[in-house]
Amino acid sequence: MELKRFVIYPIATSCAGKSTLTKALSEKLPDIYTVSYDKLKWQLAGYHRDKHRSLIKEITFGLFEVICSKYIPILLDVSLQDEAEYFYCYKIAQKYGYKFIPIKLIAPTVILLQRFRERIADAKQKGTEISVTDESIFLENLFKKSFVPLGTPIFDTSEIRPEYIANEIIVNLIC
């Protein structure tokens, strides 16, 4: 039996809850494939966010198209900075008969900053690497704009649990 073809594309700043939502969706949709910029970047030895951004984005887009060609449901975890990047991925999805489902995750700045500080402390404790450790860079990134299509559903992750958001996506947007 062929799986439903859809791409869930969460639009969010750092610490807005994409990873938590991805986990909730993966538990509810066991056949979904996550195409993640963040996972791919750490596979490049010596990765640097400014030096390697375009290379990793190109790899991410290439993997996205390969997975689309296999007709597997997708969670696209990459920041599409502008309308051109958004429609590039949208057209790939359309080419393979996928429904493209953007969703926007938000939270108040004070909550995002708290989550960022917790992420830094957690990384230090576990000895893991994260790409942004400077609070001023984090705050600068918070206010960078990314393209959000008109009519995109918005979920405040400071008020709504990820399991609820996952259910809303599955029941109201995929079907």
Protein backbone atom coordinates (compact mmCIF):
# COMPACT_ATOMS: atom_id res chain seq x y z
CA MET A 1 0.00 0.00 0.00
CA GLU A 2 1.34 3.42 -0.97
CA LEU A 3 1.86 5.91 1.86
CA LYS A 4 0.21 9.32 1.77
CA ARG A 5 2.46 11.90 0.18
CA PHE A 6 2.92 14.97 2.31
CA VAL A 7 5.66 17.29 3.50
CA ILE A 8 5.33 18.91 6.91
CA TYR A 9 7.47 22.05 6.98
CA PRO A 10 7.78 23.69 10.42
CA ILE A 11 8.81 27.34 10.24
CA ALA A 12 10.43 28.41 13.50
CA THR A 13 13.32 30.21 15.10
CA SER A 14 15.81 28.34 17.23
CA CYS A 15 14.33 27.00 20.49
CA ALA A 16 10.73 27.39 19.27
CA GLY A 17 10.06 23.67 19.60
CA LYS A 18 10.85 22.10 16.21
CA SER A 19 12.85 19.22 17.69
CA THR A 20 10.16 18.45 20.25
CA LEU A 21 7.46 18.58 17.58
CA THR A 22 9.57 16.40 15.27
CA LYS A 23 9.81 13.78 18.02
CA ALA A 24 6.03 13.90 18.63
CA LEU A 25 5.29 13.60 14.90
CA SER A 26 7.78 10.74 14.50
CA GLU A 27 6.04 8.82 17.28
CA LYS A 28 2.63 9.31 15.66
CA LEU A 29 3.81 8.87 12.05
CA PRO A 30 6.36 6.03 12.19
CA ASP A 31 7.00 6.03 8.42
CA ILE A 32 7.85 9.74 8.17
CA TYR A 33 11.39 10.65 7.07
CA THR A 34 12.97 13.73 8.64
CA VAL A 35 15.18 15.69 6.27
CA SER A 36 17.15 17.78 8.76
CA TYR A 37 19.66 20.50 7.99
CA ASP A 38 20.91 20.27 11.58
CA LYS A 39 21.57 16.53 11.36
CA LEU A 40 23.36 16.90 8.02
CA LYS A 41 25.62 19.78 9.09
CA TRP A 42 27.25 17.74 11.85
CA GLN A 43 28.29 15.10 9.32
CA LEU A 44 30.74 17.60 7.83
CA ALA A 45 34.01 17.55 9.78
CA GLY A 46 34.93 21.07 10.85
CA TYR A 47 31.45 22.44 10.12
CA HIS A 48 31.20 26.22 10.50
CA ARG A 49 27.82 27.92 10.20
CA ASP A 50 29.02 30.81 8.01
CA LYS A 51 31.48 28.90 5.84
CA HIS A 52 29.36 25.82 5.09
CA ARG A 53 25.74 27.07 5.13
CA SER A 54 25.18 26.99 1.35
CA LEU A 55 26.83 23.58 0.95
CA ILE A 56 24.70 21.97 3.66
CA LYS A 57 21.57 23.62 2.28
CA GLU A 58 22.34 22.19 -1.18
CA ILE A 59 22.84 18.73 0.34
CA THR A 60 19.58 19.11 2.28
CA PHE A 61 17.63 20.06 -0.86
CA GLY A 62 19.17 17.17 -2.77
CA LEU A 63 18.23 14.68 -0.05
CA PHE A 64 14.74 16.19 0.07
CA GLU A 65 14.23 15.48 -3.63
CA VAL A 66 15.58 11.93 -3.31
CA ILE A 67 13.14 11.17 -0.49
CA CYS A 68 10.27 12.75 -2.48
CA SER A 69 11.15 10.45 -5.38
CA LYS A 70 10.69 7.46 -3.06
CA TYR A 71 7.16 8.62 -2.07
CA ILE A 72 7.86 8.62 1.66
CA PRO A 73 6.11 11.17 3.95
CA ILE A 74 8.57 13.91 4.93
CA LEU A 75 9.21 16.30 7.76
CA LEU A 76 11.37 19.05 6.24
CA ASP A 77 13.52 20.58 8.99
CA VAL A 78 15.39 23.39 7.27
CA SER A 79 15.09 27.16 7.44
CA LEU A 80 13.89 28.43 4.06
CA GLN A 81 15.02 32.05 4.18
CA ASP A 82 12.97 33.54 1.39
CA GLU A 83 10.12 32.98 -1.02
CA ALA A 84 12.46 31.58 -3.69
CA GLU A 85 13.77 28.83 -1.39
CA TYR A 86 10.26 28.06 -0.18
CA PHE A 87 8.88 27.70 -3.70
CA TYR A 88 11.92 25.68 -4.78
CA CYS A 89 11.00 23.02 -2.18
CA TYR A 90 7.29 23.45 -2.81
CA LYS A 91 7.79 22.73 -6.53
CA ILE A 92 9.87 19.62 -5.79
CA ALA A 93 7.04 18.38 -3.57
CA GLN A 94 4.46 19.13 -6.29
CA LYS A 95 6.59 17.35 -8.91
CA TYR A 96 6.18 14.12 -6.92
CA GLY A 97 2.53 14.64 -5.98
CA TYR A 98 3.07 15.74 -2.38
CA LYS A 99 0.86 17.99 -0.29
CA PHE A 100 3.12 20.71 1.19
CA ILE A 101 2.05 21.66 4.73
CA PRO A 102 3.79 24.67 6.29
CA ILE A 103 3.22 25.39 9.98
CA LYS A 104 4.64 28.22 12.08
CA LEU A 105 5.88 27.67 15.63
CA ILE A 106 6.25 30.69 17.89
CA ALA A 107 6.96 31.51 21.53
CA PRO A 108 7.60 34.77 23.38
CA THR A 109 11.22 35.99 23.24
CA VAL A 110 11.66 35.53 27.00
CA ILE A 111 10.69 31.85 26.66
CA LEU A 112 12.98 31.35 23.64
CA LEU A 113 15.89 32.91 25.54
CA GLN A 114 15.20 30.70 28.57
CA ARG A 115 15.17 27.60 26.33
CA PHE A 116 18.41 28.73 24.67
CA ARG A 117 20.15 29.10 28.03
CA GLU A 118 18.89 25.66 29.06
CA ARG A 119 20.19 24.23 25.77
CA ILE A 120 23.64 25.74 26.42
CA ALA A 121 23.74 24.36 29.98
CA ASP A 122 22.60 20.94 28.76
CA ALA A 123 25.25 20.85 26.01
CA LYS A 124 27.98 21.79 28.50
CA GLN A 125 26.82 19.13 30.95
CA LYS A 126 26.64 16.41 28.28
CA GLY A 127 29.72 17.56 26.39
CA THR A 128 27.78 17.87 23.14
CA GLU A 129 28.32 20.43 20.42
CA ILE A 130 25.81 23.04 19.29
CA SER A 131 26.35 25.55 16.51
CA VAL A 132 25.24 28.74 18.29
CA THR A 133 26.54 29.30 21.82
CA ASP A 134 26.67 33.10 21.85
CA GLU A 135 23.54 34.75 23.21
CA SER A 136 23.96 37.85 21.04
CA ILE A 137 24.09 35.68 17.89
CA PHE A 138 21.04 33.77 19.12
CA LEU A 139 19.12 37.04 19.62
CA GLU A 140 20.26 38.32 16.22
CA ASN A 141 19.00 35.10 14.60
CA LEU A 142 15.65 35.41 16.39
CA PHE A 143 14.81 38.50 14.42
CA LYS A 144 15.86 37.22 11.00
CA LYS A 145 12.84 36.86 8.78
CA SER A 146 11.93 33.74 6.88
CA PHE A 147 9.15 33.38 4.35
CA VAL A 148 5.79 32.38 5.80
CA PRO A 149 3.03 31.73 3.25
CA LEU A 150 -0.30 33.45 3.81
CA GLY A 151 -2.71 31.25 5.77
CA THR A 152 -0.01 29.19 7.50
CA PRO A 153 -1.32 27.78 10.82
CA ILE A 154 0.49 29.25 13.84
CA PHE A 155 1.09 27.39 17.12
CA ASP A 156 2.48 29.01 20.28
CA THR A 157 4.71 26.35 21.83
CA SER A 158 4.75 28.17 25.16
CA GLU A 159 1.01 27.45 25.49
CA ILE A 160 0.37 24.31 23.42
CA ARG A 161 1.95 20.91 24.01
CA PRO A 162 3.80 19.31 21.06
CA GLU A 163 1.53 16.24 21.16
CA TYR A 164 -1.50 18.49 20.64
CA ILE A 165 0.20 20.28 17.73
CA ALA A 166 1.13 16.92 16.18
CA ASN A 167 -2.49 15.75 16.46
CA GLU A 168 -3.76 18.98 14.90
CA ILE A 169 -1.38 18.54 11.97
CA ILE A 170 -2.37 14.91 11.45
CA VAL A 171 -6.13 15.36 11.82
CA ASN A 172 -6.68 18.77 10.24
CA LEU A 173 -3.83 19.29 7.77
CA ILE A 174 -2.69 15.92 6.42
CA CYS A 175 -6.13 14.38 5.91
